[in-house]
PDB file of N, CA and C in Angstrom:
ATOM      1  N   MET A   1      72.905   8.914-264.342  1.00  0.00           N
ATOM      2  CA  MET A   1      73.514   8.550-263.076  1.00  0.00           C
ATOM      3  C   MET A   1      74.972   8.997-263.027  1.00  0.00           C
ATOM      4  N   ALA A   2      75.705   8.791-264.101  1.00  0.00           N
ATOM      5  CA  ALA A   2      77.123   9.159-264.112  1.00  0.00           C
ATOM      6  C   ALA A   2      77.301  10.659-263.893  1.00  0.00           C
ATOM      7  N   LYS A   3      76.421  11.443-264.499  1.00  0.00           N
ATOM      8  CA  LYS A   3      76.485  12.898-264.329  1.00  0.00           C
ATOM      9  C   LYS A   3      76.250  13.275-262.867  1.00  0.00           C
ATOM     10  N   ARG A   4      75.279  12.629-262.243  1.00  0.00           N
ATOM     11  CA  ARG A   4      74.954  12.901-260.839  1.00  0.00           C
ATOM     12  C   ARG A   4      76.133  12.545-259.934  1.00  0.00           C
ATOM     13  N   VAL A   5      76.741  11.380-260.160  1.00  0.00           N
ATOM     14  CA  VAL A   5      77.875  10.939-259.339  1.00  0.00           C
ATOM     15  C   VAL A   5      79.064  11.873-259.544  1.00  0.00           C
ATOM     16  N   PHE A   6      79.304  12.279-260.782  1.00  0.00           N
ATOM     17  CA  PHE A   6      80.420  13.183-261.066  1.00  0.00           C
ATOM     18  C   PHE A   6      80.204  14.537-260.386  1.00  0.00           C
ATOM     19  N   PHE A   7      78.998  15.067-260.478  1.00  0.00           N
ATOM     20  CA  PHE A   7      78.689  16.339-259.828  1.00  0.00           C
ATOM     21  C   PHE A   7      78.843  16.215-258.308  1.00  0.00           C
ATOM     22  N   ASN A   8      78.390  15.111-257.748  1.00  0.00           N
ATOM     23  CA  ASN A   8      78.521  14.847-256.316  1.00  0.00           C
ATOM     24  C   ASN A   8      79.999  14.786-255.930  1.00  0.00           C
ATOM     25  N   PHE A   9      80.803  14.123-256.766  1.00  0.00           N
ATOM     26  CA  PHE A   9      82.245  14.030-256.530  1.00  0.00           C
ATOM     27  C   PHE A   9      82.870  15.423-256.496  1.00  0.00           C
ATOM     28  N   LEU A  10      82.579  16.239-257.498  1.00  0.00           N
ATOM     29  CA  LEU A  10      83.141  17.594-257.543  1.00  0.00           C
ATOM     30  C   LEU A  10      82.719  18.417-256.327  1.00  0.00           C
ATOM     31  N   TYR A  11      81.471  18.300-255.960  1.00  0.00           N
ATOM     32  CA  TYR A  11      80.930  19.014-254.806  1.00  0.00           C
ATOM     33  C   TYR A  11      81.698  18.631-253.537  1.00  0.00           C
ATOM     34  N   LYS A  12      81.862  17.329-253.338  1.00  0.00           N
ATOM     35  CA  LYS A  12      82.529  16.841-252.127  1.00  0.00           C
ATOM     36  C   LYS A  12      84.033  17.126-252.141  1.00  0.00           C
ATOM     37  N   VAL A  13      84.667  16.999-253.307  1.00  0.00           N
ATOM     38  CA  VAL A  13      86.115  17.186-253.379  1.00  0.00           C
ATOM     39  C   VAL A  13      86.501  18.643-253.088  1.00  0.00           C
ATOM     40  N   VAL A  14      85.593  19.560-253.342  1.00  0.00           N
ATOM     41  CA  VAL A  14      85.849  20.967-253.037  1.00  0.00           C
ATOM     42  C   VAL A  14      85.414  21.308-251.610  1.00  0.00           C
ATOM     43  N   LEU A  15      84.197  20.915-251.251  1.00  0.00           N
ATOM     44  CA  LEU A  15      83.634  21.371-249.979  1.00  0.00           C
ATOM     45  C   LEU A  15      84.136  20.616-248.749  1.00  0.00           C
ATOM     46  N   PHE A  16      84.376  19.315-248.848  1.00  0.00           N
ATOM     47  CA  PHE A  16      84.822  18.588-247.653  1.00  0.00           C
ATOM     48  C   PHE A  16      86.152  19.131-247.128  1.00  0.00           C
ATOM     49  N   PRO A  17      87.206  19.186-247.954  1.00  0.00           N
ATOM     50  CA  PRO A  17      88.453  19.744-247.419  1.00  0.00           C
ATOM     51  C   PRO A  17      88.315  21.222-247.062  1.00  0.00           C
ATOM     52  N   GLY A  18      87.524  21.958-247.853  1.00  0.00           N
ATOM     53  CA  GLY A  18      87.347  23.383-247.574  1.00  0.00           C
ATOM     54  C   GLY A  18      86.690  23.640-246.231  1.00  0.00           C
ATOM     55  N   VAL A  19      85.625  22.916-245.959  1.00  0.00           N
ATOM     56  CA  VAL A  19      84.918  23.089-244.678  1.00  0.00           C
ATOM     57  C   VAL A  19      85.800  22.631-243.520  1.00  0.00           C
ATOM     58  N   LEU A  20      86.477  21.502-243.676  1.00  0.00           N
ATOM     59  CA  LEU A  20      87.364  21.033-242.599  1.00  0.00           C
ATOM     60  C   LEU A  20      88.478  22.039-242.327  1.00  0.00           C
ATOM     61  N   TYR A  21      89.023  22.629-243.376  1.00  0.00           N
ATOM     62  CA  TYR A  21      90.063  23.641-243.189  1.00  0.00           C
ATOM     63  C   TYR A  21      89.504  24.861-242.447  1.00  0.00           C
ATOM     64  N   LEU A  22      88.356  25.352-242.898  1.00  0.00           N
ATOM     65  CA  LEU A  22      87.748  26.514-242.235  1.00  0.00           C
ATOM     66  C   LEU A  22      87.428  26.231-240.768  1.00  0.00           C
ATOM     67  N   LEU A  23      86.962  25.023-240.492  1.00  0.00           N
ATOM     68  CA  LEU A  23      86.677  24.659-239.099  1.00  0.00           C
ATOM     69  C   LEU A  23      87.948  24.620-238.266  1.00  0.00           C
ATOM     70  N   SER A  24      89.045  24.127-238.853  1.00  0.00           N
ATOM     71  CA  SER A  24      90.299  24.057-238.099  1.00  0.00           C
ATOM     72  C   SER A  24      90.859  25.450-237.823  1.00  0.00           C
ATOM     73  N   VAL A  25      90.573  26.397-238.705  1.00  0.00           N
ATOM     74  CA  VAL A  25      90.999  27.782-238.483  1.00  0.00           C
ATOM     75  C   VAL A  25      90.080  28.463-237.470  1.00  0.00           C
ATOM     76  N   THR A  26      88.795  28.178-237.562  1.00  0.00           N
ATOM     77  CA  THR A  26      87.803  28.812-236.690  1.00  0.00           C
ATOM     78  C   THR A  26      87.809  28.239-235.275  1.00  0.00           C
ATOM     79  N   PHE A  27      88.012  26.926-235.161  1.00  0.00           N
ATOM     80  CA  PHE A  27      87.989  26.244-233.856  1.00  0.00           C
ATOM     81  C   PHE A  27      89.294  25.478-233.621  1.00  0.00           C
ATOM     82  N   PRO A  28      90.434  26.175-233.547  1.00  0.00           N
ATOM     83  CA  PRO A  28      91.714  25.462-233.435  1.00  0.00           C
ATOM     84  C   PRO A  28      91.871  24.666-232.136  1.00  0.00           C
ATOM     85  N   SER A  29      91.155  25.043-231.096  1.00  0.00           N
ATOM     86  CA  SER A  29      91.271  24.278-229.846  1.00  0.00           C
ATOM     87  C   SER A  29      90.421  23.010-229.881  1.00  0.00           C
ATOM     88  N   GLN A  30      89.524  22.909-230.842  1.00  0.00           N
ATOM     89  CA  GLN A  30      88.657  21.729-230.961  1.00  0.00           C
ATOM     90  C   GLN A  30      89.058  20.820-232.121  1.00  0.00           C
ATOM     91  N   LEU A  31      89.611  21.416-233.164  1.00  0.00           N
ATOM     92  CA  LEU A  31      89.868  20.686-234.397  1.00  0.00           C
ATOM     93  C   LEU A  31      91.167  21.194-235.019  1.00  0.00           C
ATOM     94  N   MET A  32      92.280  20.516-234.701  1.00  0.00           N
ATOM     95  CA  MET A  32      93.573  20.909-235.243  1.00  0.00           C
ATOM     96  C   MET A  32      94.224  19.681-235.874  1.00  0.00           C
ATOM     97  N   PHE A  33      94.463  19.752-237.179  1.00  0.00           N
ATOM     98  CA  PHE A  33      95.080  18.636-237.888  1.00  0.00           C
ATOM     99  C   PHE A  33      96.594  18.733-237.782  1.00  0.00           C
ATOM    100  N   GLU A  34      97.233  17.569-237.563  1.00  0.00           N
ATOM    101  CA  GLU A  34      98.689  17.502-237.410  1.00  0.00           C
ATOM    102  C   GLU A  34      99.391  18.084-238.635  1.00  0.00           C
ATOM    103  N   ASN A  35      98.943  17.694-239.798  1.00  0.00           N
ATOM    104  CA  ASN A  35      99.561  18.160-241.035  1.00  0.00           C
ATOM    105  C   ASN A  35      98.540  18.060-242.168  1.00  0.00           C
ATOM    106  N   ILE A  36      98.973  18.452-243.341  1.00  0.00           N
ATOM    107  CA  ILE A  36      98.065  18.442-244.493  1.00  0.00           C
ATOM    108  C   ILE A  36      97.631  17.025-244.854  1.00  0.00           C
ATOM    109  N   ASN A  37      98.490  16.034-244.586  1.00  0.00           N
ATOM    110  CA  ASN A  37      98.122  14.645-244.894  1.00  0.00           C
ATOM    111  C   ASN A  37      96.899  14.204-244.098  1.00  0.00           C
ATOM    112  N   HIS A  38      96.862  14.538-242.836  1.00  0.00           N
ATOM    113  CA  HIS A  38      95.722  14.156-242.000  1.00  0.00           C
ATOM    114  C   HIS A  38      94.448  14.791-242.538  1.00  0.00           C
ATOM    115  N   TRP A  39      94.514  16.057-242.792  1.00  0.00           N
ATOM    116  CA  TRP A  39      93.360  16.805-243.293  1.00  0.00           C
ATOM    117  C   TRP A  39      92.872  16.229-244.625  1.00  0.00           C
ATOM    118  N   LEU A  40      93.798  15.953-245.544  1.00  0.00           N
ATOM    119  CA  LEU A  40      93.404  15.413-246.851  1.00  0.00           C
ATOM    120  C   LEU A  40      92.975  13.952-246.770  1.00  0.00           C
ATOM    121  N   ASP A  41      93.616  13.164-245.902  1.00  0.00           N
ATOM    122  CA  ASP A  41      93.215  11.759-245.738  1.00  0.00           C
ATOM    123  C   ASP A  41      91.781  11.650-245.221  1.00  0.00           C
ATOM    124  N   VAL A  42      91.451  12.464-244.248  1.00  0.00           N
ATOM    125  CA  VAL A  42      90.081  12.459-243.713  1.00  0.00           C
ATOM    126  C   VAL A  42      89.101  12.908-244.795  1.00  0.00           C
ATOM    127  N   SER A  43      89.460  13.945-245.525  1.00  0.00           N
ATOM    128  CA  SER A  43      88.593  14.426-246.611  1.00  0.00           C
ATOM    129  C   SER A  43      88.377  13.342-247.660  1.00  0.00           C
ATOM    130  N   LEU A  44      89.443  12.637-248.033  1.00  0.00           N
ATOM    131  CA  LEU A  44      89.339  11.574-249.037  1.00  0.00           C
ATOM    132  C   LEU A  44      88.480  10.418-248.537  1.00  0.00           C
ATOM    133  N   LEU A  45      88.678  10.023-247.289  1.00  0.00           N
ATOM    134  CA  LEU A  45      87.877   8.937-246.717  1.00  0.00           C
ATOM    135  C   LEU A  45      86.391   9.314-246.700  1.00  0.00           C
ATOM    136  N   LEU A  46      86.095  10.522-246.259  1.00  0.00           N
ATOM    137  CA  LEU A  46      84.701  10.983-246.235  1.00  0.00           C
ATOM    138  C   LEU A  46      84.124  11.069-247.645  1.00  0.00           C
ATOM    139  N   LEU A  47      84.949  11.463-248.599  1.00  0.00           N
ATOM    140  CA  LEU A  47      84.504  11.552-249.988  1.00  0.00           C
ATOM    141  C   LEU A  47      84.112  10.183-250.530  1.00  0.00           C
ATOM    142  N   VAL A  48      84.975   9.192-250.340  1.00  0.00           N
ATOM    143  CA  VAL A  48      84.707   7.845-250.862  1.00  0.00           C
ATOM    144  C   VAL A  48      83.469   7.240-250.194  1.00  0.00           C
ATOM    145  N   ILE A  49      83.430   7.299-248.875  1.00  0.00           N
ATOM    146  CA  ILE A  49      82.273   6.755-248.155  1.00  0.00           C
ATOM    147  C   ILE A  49      81.003   7.497-248.564  1.00  0.00           C
ATOM    148  N   GLY A  50      81.097   8.804-248.679  1.00  0.00           N
ATOM    149  CA  GLY A  50      79.934   9.611-249.039  1.00  0.00           C
ATOM    150  C   GLY A  50      79.397   9.304-250.425  1.00  0.00           C
ATOM    151  N   LEU A  51      80.280   9.124-251.388  1.00  0.00           N
ATOM    152  CA  LEU A  51      79.827   8.815-252.752  1.00  0.00           C
ATOM    153  C   LEU A  51      79.073   7.491-252.796  1.00  0.00           C
ATOM    154  N   ILE A  52      79.606   6.496-252.115  1.00  0.00           N
ATOM    155  CA  ILE A  52      78.954   5.179-252.091  1.00  0.00           C
ATOM    156  C   ILE A  52      77.633   5.259-251.326  1.00  0.00           C
ATOM    157  N   ALA A  53      77.679   5.867-250.154  1.00  0.00           N
ATOM    158  CA  ALA A  53      76.477   5.948-249.316  1.00  0.00           C
ATOM    159  C   ALA A  53      75.367   6.754-249.987  1.00  0.00           C
ATOM    160  N   ASP A  54      75.736   7.810-250.695  1.00  0.00           N
ATOM    161  CA  ASP A  54      74.707   8.624-251.347  1.00  0.00           C
ATOM    162  C   ASP A  54      73.928   7.819-252.377  1.00  0.00           C
ATOM    163  N   GLU A  55      74.579   6.927-253.065  1.00  0.00           N
ATOM    164  CA  GLU A  55      73.894   6.118-254.080  1.00  0.00           C
ATOM    165  C   GLU A  55      73.114   4.957-253.465  1.00  0.00           C
ATOM    166  N   VAL A  56      73.584   4.431-252.332  1.00  0.00           N
ATOM    167  CA  VAL A  56      72.942   3.262-251.727  1.00  0.00           C
ATOM    168  C   VAL A  56      71.930   3.665-250.652  1.00  0.00           C
ATOM    169  N   VAL A  57      72.383   4.392-249.662  1.00  0.00           N
ATOM    170  CA  VAL A  57      71.580   4.687-248.471  1.00  0.00           C
ATOM    171  C   VAL A  57      70.482   5.717-248.739  1.00  0.00           C
ATOM    172  N   LEU A  58      70.772   6.688-249.560  1.00  0.00           N
ATOM    173  CA  LEU A  58      69.818   7.776-249.790  1.00  0.00           C
ATOM    174  C   LEU A  58      68.499   7.269-250.365  1.00  0.00           C
ATOM    175  N   GLY A  59      68.568   6.336-251.282  1.00  0.00           N
ATOM    176  CA  GLY A  59      67.350   5.781-251.866  1.00  0.00           C
ATOM    177  C   GLY A  59      66.545   4.943-250.890  1.00  0.00           C
ATOM    178  N   ILE A  60      67.222   4.339-249.934  1.00  0.00           N
ATOM    179  CA  ILE A  60      66.553   3.468-248.964  1.00  0.00           C
ATOM    180  C   ILE A  60      65.908   4.280-247.839  1.00  0.00           C
ATOM    181  N   TYR A  61      66.657   5.204-247.261  1.00  0.00           N
ATOM    182  CA  TYR A  61      66.198   5.902-246.059  1.00  0.00           C
ATOM    183  C   TYR A  61      65.649   7.302-246.299  1.00  0.00           C
ATOM    184  N   GLY A  62      65.871   7.860-247.449  1.00  0.00           N
ATOM    185  CA  GLY A  62      65.389   9.209-247.718  1.00  0.00           C
ATOM    186  C   GLY A  62      66.390  10.265-247.274  1.00  0.00           C
ATOM    187  N   ILE A  63      66.064  11.496-247.591  1.00  0.00           N
ATOM    188  CA  ILE A  63      66.999  12.602-247.383  1.00  0.00           C
ATOM    189  C   ILE A  63      67.373  12.794-245.915  1.00  0.00           C
ATOM    190  N   TYR A  64      66.396  12.873-245.034  1.00  0.00           N
ATOM    191  CA  TYR A  64      66.676  13.283-243.660  1.00  0.00           C
ATOM    192  C   TYR A  64      67.332  12.185-242.832  1.00  0.00           C
ATOM    193  N   LYS A  65      66.862  10.959-242.949  1.00  0.00           N
ATOM    194  CA  LYS A  65      67.495   9.864-242.205  1.00  0.00           C
ATOM    195  C   LYS A  65      68.908   9.613-242.719  1.00  0.00           C
ATOM    196  N   ALA A  66      69.088   9.659-244.035  1.00  0.00           N
ATOM    197  CA  ALA A  66      70.417   9.447-244.609  1.00  0.00           C
ATOM    198  C   ALA A  66      71.375  10.558-244.185  1.00  0.00           C
ATOM    199  N   THR A  67      70.880  11.787-244.141  1.00  0.00           N
ATOM    200  CA  THR A  67      71.725  12.908-243.719  1.00  0.00           C
ATOM    201  C   THR A  67      72.092  12.788-242.243  1.00  0.00           C
ATOM    202  N   LEU A  68      71.154  12.382-241.412  1.00  0.00           N
ATOM    203  CA  LEU A  68      71.445  12.181-239.993  1.00  0.00           C
ATOM    204  C   LEU A  68      72.487  11.079-239.809  1.00  0.00           C
ATOM    205  N   GLN A  69      72.329   9.977-240.530  1.00  0.00           N
ATOM    206  CA  GLN A  69      73.317   8.897-240.460  1.00  0.00           C
ATOM    207  C   GLN A  69      74.683   9.394-240.924  1.00  0.00           C
ATOM    208  N   GLY A  70      74.697  10.162-242.001  1.00  0.00           N
ATOM    209  CA  GLY A  70      75.954  10.708-242.512  1.00  0.00           C
ATOM    210  C   GLY A  70      76.608  11.660-241.531  1.00  0.00           C
ATOM    211  N   THR A  71      75.801  12.495-240.907  1.00  0.00           N
ATOM    212  CA  THR A  71      76.313  13.447-239.920  1.00  0.00           C
ATOM    213  C   THR A  71      76.974  12.718-238.755  1.00  0.00           C
ATOM    214  N   LEU A  72      76.321  11.686-238.261  1.00  0.00           N
ATOM    215  CA  LEU A  72      76.893  10.900-237.156  1.00  0.00           C
ATOM    216  C   LEU A  72      78.173  10.194-237.593  1.00  0.00           C
ATOM    217  N   ALA A  73      78.159   9.622-238.785  1.00  0.00           N
ATOM    218  CA  ALA A  73      79.351   8.926-239.290  1.00  0.00           C
ATOM    219  C   ALA A  73      80.515   9.897-239.467  1.00  0.00           C
ATOM    220  N   ILE A  74      80.244  11.073-239.995  1.00  0.00           N
ATOM    221  CA  ILE A  74      81.294  12.077-240.181  1.00  0.00           C
ATOM    222  C   ILE A  74      81.880  12.481-238.835  1.00  0.00           C
ATOM    223  N   ALA A  75      81.028  12.734-237.850  1.00  0.00           N
ATOM    224  CA  ALA A  75      81.508  13.127-236.520  1.00  0.00           C
ATOM    225  C   ALA A  75      82.424  12.056-235.936  1.00  0.00           C
ATOM    226  N   VAL A  76      82.023  10.805-236.046  1.00  0.00           N
ATOM    227  CA  VAL A  76      82.825   9.698-235.500  1.00  0.00           C
ATOM    228  C   VAL A  76      84.140   9.554-236.259  1.00  0.00           C
ATOM    229  N   ILE A  77      84.089   9.605-237.585  1.00  0.00           N
ATOM    230  CA  ILE A  77      85.304   9.442-238.393  1.00  0.00           C
ATOM    231  C   ILE A  77      86.299  10.559-238.118  1.00  0.00           C
ATOM    232  N   VAL A  78      85.825  11.792-238.088  1.00  0.00           N
ATOM    233  CA  VAL A  78      86.727  12.920-237.825  1.00  0.00           C
ATOM    234  C   VAL A  78      87.325  12.794-236.426  1.00  0.00           C
ATOM    235  N   TYR A  79      86.500  12.488-235.446  1.00  0.00           N
ATOM    236  CA  TYR A  79      86.999  12.345-234.074  1.00  0.00           C
ATOM    237  C   TYR A  79      88.026  11.219-233.968  1.00  0.00           C
ATOM    238  N   LEU A  80      87.699  10.055-234.500  1.00  0.00           N
ATOM    239  CA  LEU A  80      88.610   8.908-234.387  1.00  0.00           C
ATOM    240  C   LEU A  80      89.875   9.078-235.218  1.00  0.00           C
ATOM    241  N   SER A  81      89.816   9.890-236.258  1.00  0.00           N
ATOM    242  CA  SER A  81      91.017  10.107-237.075  1.00  0.00           C
ATOM    243  C   SER A  81      92.124  10.774-236.265  1.00  0.00           C
ATOM    244  N   GLY A  82      91.744  11.509-235.245  1.00  0.00           N
ATOM    245  CA  GLY A  82      92.734  12.140-234.380  1.00  0.00           C
ATOM    246  C   GLY A  82      93.609  11.133-233.651  1.00  0.00           C
ATOM    247  N   TRP A  83      93.117   9.921-233.486  1.00  0.00           N
ATOM    248  CA  TRP A  83      93.895   8.885-232.817  1.00  0.00           C
ATOM    249  C   TRP A  83      94.983   8.332-233.732  1.00  0.00           C
ATOM    250  N   LEU A  84      94.781   8.434-235.042  1.00  0.00           N
ATOM    251  CA  LEU A  84      95.775   7.939-235.997  1.00  0.00           C
ATOM    252  C   LEU A  84      96.922   8.918-236.192  1.00  0.00           C
ATOM    253  N   PHE A  85      96.692  10.167-235.888  1.00  0.00           N
ATOM    254  CA  PHE A  85      97.700  11.209-236.025  1.00  0.00           C
ATOM    255  C   PHE A  85      97.897  11.837-234.647  1.00  0.00           C
ATOM    256  N   PRO A  86      98.878  11.350-233.899  1.00  0.00           N
ATOM    257  CA  PRO A  86      99.007  11.740-232.491  1.00  0.00           C
ATOM    258  C   PRO A  86      99.252  13.232-232.240  1.00  0.00           C
ATOM    259  N   GLN A  87      99.796  13.934-233.214  1.00  0.00           N
ATOM    260  CA  GLN A  87     100.043  15.364-233.006  1.00  0.00           C
ATOM    261  C   GLN A  87      98.804  16.217-233.284  1.00  0.00           C
ATOM    262  N   SER A  88      97.776  15.593-233.807  1.00  0.00           N
ATOM    263  CA  SER A  88      96.522  16.309-234.059  1.00  0.00           C
ATOM    264  C   SER A  88      95.757  16.469-232.755  1.00  0.00           C
ATOM    265  N   LYS A  89      94.916  17.487-232.729  1.00  0.00           N
ATOM    266  CA  LYS A  89      94.055  17.664-231.562  1.00  0.00           C
ATOM    267  C   LYS A  89      92.618  17.760-232.064  1.00  0.00           C
ATOM    268  N   ILE A  90      91.890  16.669-231.901  1.00  0.00           N
ATOM    269  CA  ILE A  90      90.488  16.651-232.302  1.00  0.00           C
ATOM    270  C   ILE A  90      89.679  16.179-231.104  1.00  0.00           C
ATOM    271  N   THR A  91      88.937  17.086-230.541  1.00  0.00           N
ATOM    272  CA  THR A  91      88.111  16.747-229.387  1.00  0.00           C
ATOM    273  C   THR A  91      86.786  16.163-229.869  1.00  0.00           C
ATOM    274  N   LEU A  92      86.045  15.608-228.937  1.00  0.00           N
ATOM    275  CA  LEU A  92      84.720  15.090-229.278  1.00  0.00           C
ATOM    276  C   LEU A  92      83.840  16.224-229.813  1.00  0.00           C
ATOM    277  N   LEU A  93      83.919  17.381-229.184  1.00  0.00           N
ATOM    278  CA  LEU A  93      83.165  18.538-229.664  1.00  0.00           C
ATOM    279  C   LEU A  93      83.610  18.924-231.076  1.00  0.00           C
ATOM    280  N   GLY A  94      84.907  18.832-231.343  1.00  0.00           N
ATOM    281  CA  GLY A  94      85.411  19.117-232.691  1.00  0.00           C
ATOM    282  C   GLY A  94      84.828  18.167-233.717  1.00  0.00           C
ATOM    283  N   GLY A  95      84.732  16.892-233.360  1.00  0.00           N
ATOM    284  CA  GLY A  95      84.110  15.915-234.253  1.00  0.00           C
ATOM    285  C   GLY A  95      82.646  16.230-234.494  1.00  0.00           C
ATOM    286  N   VAL A  96      81.956  16.625-233.433  1.00  0.00           N
ATOM    287  CA  VAL A  96      80.530  16.968-233.552  1.00  0.00           C
ATOM    288  C   VAL A  96      80.355  18.216-234.426  1.00  0.00           C
ATOM    289  N   ILE A  97      81.194  19.213-234.221  1.00  0.00           N
ATOM    290  CA  ILE A  97      81.125  20.429-235.045  1.00  0.00           C
ATOM    291  C   ILE A  97      81.357  20.084-236.514  1.00  0.00           C
ATOM    292  N   ALA A  98      82.352  19.243-236.775  1.00  0.00           N
ATOM    293  CA  ALA A  98      82.626  18.816-238.158  1.00  0.00           C
ATOM    294  C   ALA A  98      81.442  18.036-238.717  1.00  0.00           C
ATOM    295  N   GLY A  99      80.874  17.149-237.908  1.00  0.00           N
ATOM    296  CA  GLY A  99      79.731  16.362-238.362  1.00  0.00           C
ATOM    297  C   GLY A  99      78.540  17.231-238.719  1.00  0.00           C
ATOM    298  N   ILE A 100      78.227  18.183-237.863  1.00  0.00           N
ATOM    299  CA  ILE A 100      77.083  19.067-238.125  1.00  0.00           C
ATOM    300  C   ILE A 100      77.342  19.950-239.346  1.00  0.00           C
ATOM    301  N   SER A 101      78.551  20.486-239.444  1.00  0.00           N
ATOM    302  CA  SER A 101      78.876  21.364-240.577  1.00  0.00           C
ATOM    303  C   SER A 101      78.838  20.609-241.899  1.00  0.00           C
ATOM    304  N   LEU A 102      79.514  19.466-241.944  1.00  0.00           N
ATOM    305  CA  LEU A 102      79.522  18.686-243.183  1.00  0.00           C
ATOM    306  C   LEU A 102      78.165  18.033-243.431  1.00  0.00           C
ATOM    307  N   GLY A 103      77.431  17.734-242.371  1.00  0.00           N
ATOM    308  CA  GLY A 103      76.077  17.207-242.526  1.00  0.00           C
ATOM    309  C   GLY A 103      75.162  18.224-243.194  1.00  0.00           C
ATOM    310  N   THR A 104      75.338  19.488-242.864  1.00  0.00           N
ATOM    311  CA  THR A 104      74.561  20.551-243.505  1.00  0.00           C
ATOM    312  C   THR A 104      74.910  20.652-244.988  1.00  0.00           C
ATOM    313  N   VAL A 105      76.202  20.560-245.290  1.00  0.00           N
ATOM    314  CA  VAL A 105      76.653  20.549-246.684  1.00  0.00           C
ATOM    315  C   VAL A 105      76.040  19.354-247.413  1.00  0.00           C
ATOM    316  N   GLU A 106      76.023  18.212-246.750  1.00  0.00           N
ATOM    317  CA  GLU A 106      75.463  16.993-247.337  1.00  0.00           C
ATOM    318  C   GLU A 106      73.961  17.112-247.584  1.00  0.00           C
ATOM    319  N   LEU A 107      73.248  17.759-246.688  1.00  0.00           N
ATOM    320  CA  LEU A 107      71.803  17.918-246.850  1.00  0.00           C
ATOM    321  C   LEU A 107      71.475  18.625-248.163  1.00  0.00           C
ATOM    322  N   ILE A 108      72.243  19.645-248.478  1.00  0.00           N
ATOM    323  CA  ILE A 108      72.038  20.369-249.732  1.00  0.00           C
ATOM    324  C   ILE A 108      72.240  19.432-250.921  1.00  0.00           C
ATOM    325  N   MET A 109      73.309  18.648-250.882  1.00  0.00           N
ATOM    326  CA  MET A 109      73.588  17.725-251.980  1.00  0.00           C
ATOM    327  C   MET A 109      72.567  16.594-252.024  1.00  0.00           C
ATOM    328  N   HIS A 110      72.140  16.115-250.879  1.00  0.00           N
ATOM    329  CA  HIS A 110      71.168  15.019-250.851  1.00  0.00           C
ATOM    330  C   HIS A 110      69.858  15.411-251.536  1.00  0.00           C
ATOM    331  N   ARG A 111      69.456  16.645-251.375  1.00  0.00           N
ATOM    332  CA  ARG A 111      68.226  17.099-252.041  1.00  0.00           C
ATOM    333  C   ARG A 111      68.377  16.999-253.555  1.00  0.00           C
ATOM    334  N   TYR A 112      69.509  17.460-254.061  1.00  0.00           N
ATOM    335  CA  TYR A 112      69.761  17.390-255.504  1.00  0.00           C
ATOM    336  C   TYR A 112      69.797  15.932-255.973  1.00  0.00           C
ATOM    337  N   ILE A 113      70.528  15.098-255.262  1.00  0.00           N
ATOM    338  CA  ILE A 113      70.682  13.695-255.661  1.00  0.00           C
ATOM    339  C   ILE A 113      69.338  12.987-255.663  1.00  0.00           C
ATOM    340  N   ARG A 114      68.557  13.194-254.621  1.00  0.00           N
ATOM    341  CA  ARG A 114      67.277  12.482-254.505  1.00  0.00           C
ATOM    342  C   ARG A 114      66.316  12.886-255.625  1.00  0.00           C
ATOM    343  N   VAL A 115      66.254  14.151-255.935  1.00  0.00           N
ATOM    344  CA  VAL A 115      65.411  14.608-257.043  1.00  0.00           C
ATOM    345  C   VAL A 115      65.889  13.970-258.346  1.00  0.00           C
ATOM    346  N   ASN A 116      67.204  13.937-258.541  1.00  0.00           N
ATOM    347  CA  ASN A 116      67.768  13.347-259.748  1.00  0.00           C
ATOM    348  C   ASN A 116      67.504  11.849-259.817  1.00  0.00           C
ATOM    349  N   GLN A 117      67.613  11.156-258.677  1.00  0.00           N
ATOM    350  CA  GLN A 117      67.334   9.717-258.644  1.00  0.00           C
ATOM    351  C   GLN A 117      65.880   9.444-259.030  1.00  0.00           C
ATOM    352  N   LYS A 118      64.972  10.251-258.520  1.00  0.00           N
ATOM    353  CA  LYS A 118      63.546  10.060-258.831  1.00  0.00           C
ATOM    354  C   LYS A 118      63.263  10.328-260.310  1.00  0.00           C
ATOM    355  N   LYS A 119      63.886  11.362-260.886  1.00  0.00           N
ATOM    356  CA  LYS A 119      63.719  11.642-262.312  1.00  0.00           C
ATOM    357  C   LYS A 119      64.234  10.473-263.147  1.00  0.00           C
ATOM    358  N   HIS A 120      65.396   9.966-262.769  1.00  0.00           N
ATOM    359  CA  HIS A 120      66.003   8.844-263.495  1.00  0.00           C
ATOM    360  C   HIS A 120      65.119   7.603-263.405  1.00  0.00           C
ATOM    361  N   LYS A 121      64.528   7.391-262.250  1.00  0.00           N
ATOM    362  CA  LYS A 121      63.659   6.229-262.048  1.00  0.00           C
ATOM    363  C   LYS A 121      62.391   6.349-262.901  1.00  0.00           C
ATOM    364  N   ARG A 122      61.817   7.564-262.953  1.00  0.00           N
ATOM    365  CA  ARG A 122      60.608   7.786-263.755  1.00  0.00           C
ATOM    366  C   ARG A 122      60.880   7.599-265.247  1.00  0.00           C
ATOM    367  N   LYS A 123      62.050   8.037-265.702  1.00  0.00           N
ATOM    368  CA  LYS A 123      62.410   7.882-267.111  1.00  0.00           C
ATOM    369  C   LYS A 123      62.503   6.416-267.504  1.00  0.00           C
ATOM    370  N   ASN A 124      63.036   5.615-266.597  1.00  0.00           N
ATOM    371  CA  ASN A 124      63.258   4.197-266.885  1.00  0.00           C
ATOM    372  C   ASN A 124      62.031   3.331-266.630  1.00  0.00           C
ATOM    373  N   SER A 125      60.969   3.915-266.099  1.00  0.00           N
ATOM    374  CA  SER A 125      59.758   3.121-265.808  1.00  0.00           C
ATOM    375  C   SER A 125      58.869   2.988-267.013  1.00  0.00           C
TER     376      SER A 125
END
């Protein structure tokens, strides 16, 4: 389990800020962070929530429902974070784009985690 969580952490710590940065460069009229603090704060919040949710929610709801829930949560968090940083410009569409993009990244990781969870469960049975 520790190996799985650590790998998930590394995956998220690299890809979440990376994808958010690429989206802000690609869609500056939809997703523009005020400063590096906003971008990193959102990435950190998504990382912490994601690590906990992956261990709890994924086993209960399965890969696709958990990924859909995560995608919606990411879209809402990214969109609402724009209200905390008034110089940022994050539209609803920007939040949705971030949610779908990071949700796709999450789907890849969820497959790995779920397979690993099942292997771990079989070993302990």
